[in-house]
Protein backbone atom coordinates (compact mmCIF):
# COMPACT_ATOMS: atom_id res chain seq x y z
CA MET A 1 11.99 -64.02 -19.12
CA GLU A 2 13.36 -62.34 -16.53
CA ARG A 3 15.44 -64.87 -13.56
CA PHE A 4 14.32 -64.81 -10.77
CA VAL A 5 16.95 -66.42 -8.10
CA ARG A 6 16.50 -64.34 -4.89
CA LEU A 7 14.40 -61.75 -4.57
CA SER A 8 12.86 -59.20 -1.72
CA GLY A 9 9.97 -56.76 -1.26
CA ARG A 10 6.12 -56.72 0.29
CA ILE A 11 3.41 -58.97 0.42
CA ALA A 12 -0.01 -58.44 0.12
CA ALA A 13 -2.60 -61.23 1.50
CA MET A 14 -5.08 -62.06 -0.95
CA PRO A 15 -6.90 -64.85 1.44
CA ALA A 16 -9.95 -65.35 -0.31
CA ALA A 17 -11.01 -68.57 -2.05
CA ASN A 18 -11.93 -69.06 -5.85
CA ILE A 19 -10.61 -66.35 -7.20
CA ASP A 20 -10.73 -67.21 -11.52
CA THR A 21 -9.12 -65.88 -13.68
CA ASP A 22 -11.93 -63.37 -14.89
CA VAL A 23 -11.42 -61.79 -11.67
CA ILE A 24 -7.82 -61.27 -11.87
CA MET A 25 -8.51 -59.43 -15.70
CA PRO A 26 -11.76 -58.90 -16.73
CA LYS A 27 -12.53 -59.09 -20.16
CA ALA A 28 -12.58 -55.54 -20.84
CA PHE A 29 -9.21 -55.96 -20.77
CA LEU A 30 -8.67 -58.21 -23.49
CA LYS A 31 -8.88 -56.55 -26.57
CA GLY A 32 -6.06 -55.70 -27.68
CA ILE A 33 -4.25 -57.15 -30.23
CA ASP A 34 -0.43 -56.78 -28.10
CA ARG A 35 -0.15 -57.41 -24.17
CA SER A 36 -0.28 -53.88 -23.49
CA GLY A 37 -1.59 -51.95 -20.33
CA LEU A 38 -2.83 -55.22 -18.46
CA ALA A 39 -1.37 -53.36 -15.13
CA ASP A 40 -4.15 -51.33 -15.54
CA GLY A 41 -6.79 -54.47 -15.77
CA LEU A 42 -5.48 -56.63 -13.08
CA PHE A 43 -7.72 -56.31 -10.35
CA HIS A 44 -9.36 -53.63 -11.63
CA ASP A 45 -12.68 -54.63 -10.40
CA LEU A 46 -11.80 -54.95 -6.26
CA ARG A 47 -9.21 -51.95 -7.30
CA PHE A 48 -11.85 -49.43 -9.02
CA GLY A 49 -15.54 -49.27 -7.84
CA ALA A 50 -17.65 -48.07 -10.90
CA ASN A 51 -17.22 -44.74 -11.51
CA GLY A 52 -13.32 -45.06 -11.49
CA VAL A 53 -12.64 -44.41 -8.21
CA GLN A 54 -10.12 -46.31 -6.46
CA ARG A 55 -12.14 -48.94 -3.44
CA ARG A 56 -9.67 -47.62 -0.39
CA ASP A 57 -10.23 -51.06 1.06
CA PHE A 58 -8.36 -53.31 -1.09
CA ILE A 59 -5.25 -54.04 -0.01
CA LEU A 60 -2.91 -54.01 -3.43
CA ASN A 61 -4.59 -49.35 -3.18
CA ARG A 62 -2.70 -48.88 0.29
CA PRO A 63 -0.05 -46.48 0.18
CA ASP A 64 2.01 -49.28 1.37
CA MET A 65 1.60 -51.97 -1.15
CA ALA A 66 2.76 -49.39 -3.44
CA GLU A 67 5.14 -51.72 -4.72
CA THR A 68 4.01 -55.14 -4.49
CA ARG A 69 5.88 -57.50 -5.32
CA PHE A 70 4.41 -60.85 -4.14
CA LEU A 71 1.33 -62.24 -2.90
CA LEU A 72 -0.49 -65.02 -0.55
CA THR A 73 -3.60 -66.75 -1.94
CA GLY A 74 -6.10 -68.65 -0.61
CA PRO A 75 -7.38 -72.34 -2.19
CA ASN A 76 -8.26 -72.63 -5.75
CA PHE A 77 -6.28 -69.38 -6.82
CA GLY A 78 -7.07 -68.43 -10.62
CA CYS A 79 -9.36 -71.75 -11.91
CA GLY A 80 -12.10 -70.80 -14.13
CA SER A 81 -10.90 -69.81 -17.41
CA SER A 82 -7.31 -69.88 -19.28
CA ARG A 83 -7.20 -66.16 -19.86
CA GLU A 84 -2.56 -66.53 -20.63
CA HIS A 85 -3.69 -62.48 -19.55
CA ALA A 86 -4.09 -62.78 -15.83
CA VAL A 87 -0.63 -63.86 -15.34
CA TRP A 88 0.81 -60.71 -17.98
CA GLY A 89 -0.49 -58.71 -15.75
CA MET A 90 0.48 -60.17 -12.99
CA LEU A 91 4.23 -59.99 -14.10
CA GLN A 92 3.49 -56.06 -15.66
CA TYR A 93 1.58 -54.87 -11.97
CA GLY A 94 4.87 -55.92 -11.02
CA VAL A 95 4.19 -59.54 -9.31
CA ARG A 96 7.11 -61.79 -8.99
CA ALA A 97 5.55 -65.21 -7.17
CA ILE A 98 2.37 -65.89 -5.32
CA VAL A 99 2.19 -68.03 -2.69
CA GLY A 100 -0.63 -70.76 -1.27
CA SER A 101 -2.15 -73.71 -0.99
CA SER A 102 -2.73 -74.43 -4.19
CA PHE A 103 -3.94 -73.16 -8.25
CA GLY A 104 -5.47 -73.46 -11.30
CA ALA A 105 -3.95 -76.38 -13.27
CA ILE A 106 -4.14 -73.98 -16.33
CA PHE A 107 -3.61 -70.87 -14.83
CA ALA A 108 -0.59 -72.99 -13.55
CA ASP A 109 1.16 -73.40 -16.20
CA ASN A 110 0.21 -69.52 -17.99
CA ALA A 111 2.58 -69.01 -14.76
CA ALA A 112 5.47 -71.25 -15.44
CA ASN A 113 5.52 -70.17 -18.91
CA ASN A 114 5.72 -66.92 -18.16
CA GLY A 115 8.07 -66.63 -15.12
CA LEU A 116 5.69 -66.10 -12.62
CA LEU A 117 6.47 -68.11 -9.41
CA LEU A 118 4.22 -70.27 -7.59
CA LEU A 119 4.58 -71.43 -3.97
CA ASN A 120 2.30 -74.53 -2.56
CA LEU A 121 2.41 -74.69 1.06
CA PRO A 122 0.60 -76.76 3.21
CA LEU A 123 -1.34 -75.04 5.11
CA PRO A 124 -0.63 -75.05 8.76
CA GLU A 125 3.07 -73.38 6.68
CA LEU A 126 0.50 -71.20 5.41
CA ALA A 127 -1.24 -69.84 8.21
CA LYS A 128 2.24 -69.38 10.15
CA LEU A 129 2.87 -67.35 7.34
CA SER A 130 0.05 -65.06 7.54
CA ASP A 131 0.17 -65.20 11.31
CA MET A 132 3.44 -63.13 10.58
CA LEU A 133 2.27 -60.44 8.96
CA ASP A 134 0.79 -56.77 9.44
CA ASP A 135 -3.01 -56.05 8.71
CA GLY A 136 -2.26 -58.75 5.37
CA ALA A 137 1.27 -57.31 4.70
CA GLY A 138 4.51 -57.36 5.19
CA GLU A 139 8.23 -57.69 3.60
CA LEU A 140 10.14 -60.82 2.74
CA THR A 141 12.86 -63.03 0.94
CA ILE A 142 12.54 -65.71 -1.41
CA ASP A 143 15.38 -67.35 -2.37
CA LEU A 144 14.63 -69.94 -5.27
CA GLU A 145 18.59 -71.53 -4.90
CA MET A 146 17.67 -72.35 -1.49
CA GLU A 147 14.19 -72.65 -1.60
CA ARG A 148 13.29 -71.14 1.38
CA ILE A 149 11.03 -67.98 2.32
CA GLU A 150 12.51 -65.53 4.59
CA ILE A 151 10.72 -63.71 6.81
CA ARG A 152 11.63 -61.95 9.90
CA ASP A 153 13.94 -64.33 11.47
CA ARG A 154 11.70 -67.55 10.41
CA ILE A 155 12.68 -69.77 7.51
CA ILE A 156 10.27 -71.39 5.94
CA ARG A 157 11.08 -74.18 2.97
CA PHE A 158 8.97 -75.53 -0.06
CA ASP A 159 9.33 -77.65 -2.69
CA ILE A 160 9.07 -76.78 -6.20
CA ASP A 161 9.93 -79.07 -9.45
CA PRO A 162 13.37 -78.87 -10.74
CA ALA A 163 12.22 -77.85 -13.55
CA ILE A 164 10.37 -75.51 -12.95
CA ARG A 165 12.61 -73.73 -10.67
CA ARG A 166 15.83 -74.44 -13.52
CA THR A 167 14.16 -72.30 -15.75
CA LEU A 168 12.83 -69.46 -13.85
CA MET A 169 16.79 -69.56 -12.11
CA LEU A 170 18.23 -69.15 -16.27
CA GLY A 171 15.21 -66.78 -17.80
CA LEU A 172 14.16 -69.58 -20.09
CA ASP A 173 11.33 -70.02 -20.98
CA ARG A 174 9.79 -73.56 -22.93
CA ILE A 175 11.10 -72.61 -26.02
CA GLY A 176 14.23 -71.04 -24.98
CA GLU A 177 14.79 -74.14 -22.18
CA THR A 178 15.64 -77.12 -25.04
CA LEU A 179 17.26 -74.43 -27.13
CA THR A 180 20.19 -75.46 -24.34
CA HIS A 181 19.77 -78.53 -26.52
CA ALA A 182 19.83 -77.19 -29.59
CA THR A 183 23.73 -79.25 -30.46
CA SER A 184 22.07 -82.26 -28.77
CA ILE A 185 19.00 -82.20 -30.92
CA ARG A 186 21.65 -81.08 -34.14
CA ALA A 187 23.62 -83.99 -33.60
CA PHE A 188 20.28 -86.68 -33.87
CA GLU A 189 18.94 -84.76 -36.53
CA ASP A 190 22.13 -85.30 -38.70
CA ALA A 191 22.60 -88.60 -37.64
CA TYR A 192 18.97 -89.70 -38.54
CA LEU A 193 19.08 -87.99 -42.10
CA ALA A 194 22.12 -89.95 -43.00
CA ARG A 195 20.64 -92.87 -41.19
CA ASN A 196 17.95 -92.30 -43.64
CA PRO A 197 18.40 -90.00 -46.44
CA TRP A 198 15.66 -90.69 -48.47
CA LEU A 199 14.01 -87.87 -45.68
CA VAL A 200 16.11 -85.32 -47.14
CA GLY A 201 14.49 -86.37 -50.56
CA PRO A 202 16.53 -85.78 -53.95
CA SER A 203 19.36 -82.50 -54.83
CA ALA A 204 19.45 -80.29 -56.72
CA PRO A 205 21.43 -80.61 -59.99
């Protein structure tokens, strides 16, 4: 996973409620045996019409949003099916963090496991942030170490689970986080087997 400590970039507002994983990553893009090409599938049916032409009114298709790094979303973003491809597509597209009021539970777990930062803000703080955007877009910085969003001359504080914050700052997934304790795990195994040698079985002659 790529480390996330402090990052600046463009934010795009998608305030509709209940944007589900079928909208985020349509099923047509789940046919591959690997994760390639998922950036093309992200919000595909919102980005393109039936004829394959870009929808000019969709915010991510605007020329000024070519380098979008953050999304500001409505409540219950990422609800629906459990497809992890939705998170993979976000990261491949370049989105590193999503700021909202609530997220689908499985989507949130997938995000934490893959290095996509989700920030839950109280509705009044989310409204303040939205008001500081121009036509649904803006520039901001997310400082994960200081646990704050910086936009213009304002600072918006956020809370985050310490374990998720640690793994994101170190760039570790759950397996990588576990392996940071490898020495202690090995010491426990050795001591446990020494107390219970019958678990090892007879030595080869």
